[in-house]
């Protein structure tokens, strides 16, 4: 966990939705260290944006059984060196 976060709790739950669907509910709480509290509006905005993206990807995977092809990593076709020449 990044040093500017003092504590974090995240609870997920899945509830029956309309028809054969379901609803995912997330409740997350972050406690920031005092020096980082000025960043809270930016962090809130970023976390909400990331959560929407992740849930959209999760929804697609659940509905289709496959990840979004546009976001999938290409298969490795050759070995990539870990160190310089």
Protein backbone atom coordinates (compact mmCIF):
# COMPACT_ATOMS: atom_id res chain seq x y z
CA UNK A 1 0.00 0.00 0.00
CA UNK A 2 1.35 3.50 -0.77
CA UNK A 3 2.85 5.31 2.22
CA UNK A 4 0.34 8.18 2.05
CA UNK A 5 -2.52 5.77 2.92
CA UNK A 6 -2.83 5.05 6.64
CA UNK A 7 -5.59 2.43 6.30
CA UNK A 8 -7.98 1.08 3.67
CA UNK A 9 -11.15 -1.04 3.75
CA UNK A 10 -13.09 -2.25 0.73
CA UNK A 11 -16.34 -4.24 0.86
CA UNK A 12 -17.94 -5.76 -2.21
CA UNK A 13 -21.36 -7.37 -2.37
CA UNK A 14 -23.40 -8.86 -5.19
CA UNK A 15 -27.20 -8.60 -5.14
CA UNK A 16 -29.86 -10.01 -7.41
CA UNK A 17 -30.90 -7.46 -9.99
CA UNK A 18 -33.68 -7.16 -12.52
CA UNK A 19 -34.26 -10.26 -14.61
CA UNK A 20 -31.23 -12.53 -14.61
CA UNK A 21 -28.81 -9.67 -13.86
CA UNK A 22 -27.08 -8.66 -10.67
CA UNK A 23 -25.85 -5.50 -9.00
CA UNK A 24 -22.34 -5.12 -7.57
CA UNK A 25 -22.04 -2.70 -4.67
CA UNK A 26 -18.70 -1.41 -3.44
CA UNK A 27 -18.05 0.57 -0.31
CA UNK A 28 -14.45 1.67 0.17
CA UNK A 29 -12.86 3.85 2.83
CA UNK A 30 -9.36 5.29 2.77
CA UNK A 31 -7.68 6.97 5.70
CA UNK A 32 -4.96 9.30 4.44
CA UNK A 33 -1.94 10.39 6.40
CA UNK A 34 -2.14 14.09 7.39
CA UNK A 35 0.37 15.24 4.76
CA UNK A 36 -1.68 13.61 1.97
CA UNK A 37 -5.10 14.97 2.91
CA UNK A 38 -4.73 17.86 0.48
CA UNK A 39 -4.77 15.26 -2.30
CA UNK A 40 -8.13 13.79 -1.27
CA UNK A 41 -10.23 15.49 -4.02
CA UNK A 42 -7.85 14.24 -6.73
CA UNK A 43 -7.69 10.75 -5.23
CA UNK A 44 -11.49 10.58 -4.95
CA UNK A 45 -11.88 11.55 -8.62
CA UNK A 46 -9.23 9.05 -9.73
CA UNK A 47 -10.61 6.16 -7.67
CA UNK A 48 -14.13 6.71 -8.98
CA UNK A 49 -12.90 6.77 -12.58
CA UNK A 50 -10.81 3.62 -12.07
CA UNK A 51 -13.70 1.84 -10.34
CA UNK A 52 -16.06 2.57 -13.23
CA UNK A 53 -13.52 1.22 -15.71
CA UNK A 54 -12.80 -1.93 -13.71
CA UNK A 55 -16.49 -2.68 -13.18
CA UNK A 56 -17.20 -2.20 -16.89
CA UNK A 57 -14.43 -4.70 -17.70
CA UNK A 58 -15.73 -7.12 -15.06
CA UNK A 59 -19.26 -6.82 -16.45
CA UNK A 60 -18.05 -7.61 -19.96
CA UNK A 61 -16.09 -10.63 -18.74
CA UNK A 62 -19.06 -11.96 -16.76
CA UNK A 63 -21.52 -11.42 -19.62
CA UNK A 64 -19.35 -12.83 -22.42
CA UNK A 65 -16.91 -15.09 -20.58
CA UNK A 66 -14.00 -13.30 -22.28
CA UNK A 67 -11.95 -10.17 -21.59
CA UNK A 68 -12.35 -7.08 -23.76
CA UNK A 69 -10.19 -7.81 -26.85
CA UNK A 70 -9.20 -4.14 -27.10
CA UNK A 71 -7.70 -4.27 -23.59
CA UNK A 72 -6.19 -7.76 -23.69
CA UNK A 73 -2.42 -8.03 -23.74
CA UNK A 74 -0.99 -9.41 -26.98
CA UNK A 75 0.41 -12.93 -26.71
CA UNK A 76 4.18 -13.06 -26.22
CA UNK A 77 5.75 -14.13 -29.49
CA UNK A 78 9.40 -13.79 -28.50
CA UNK A 79 11.55 -13.63 -25.43
CA UNK A 80 12.14 -10.18 -24.01
CA UNK A 81 15.55 -9.66 -22.37
CA UNK A 82 15.39 -8.50 -18.76
CA UNK A 83 18.84 -6.86 -18.83
CA UNK A 84 20.71 -4.75 -21.33
CA UNK A 85 23.07 -6.26 -23.94
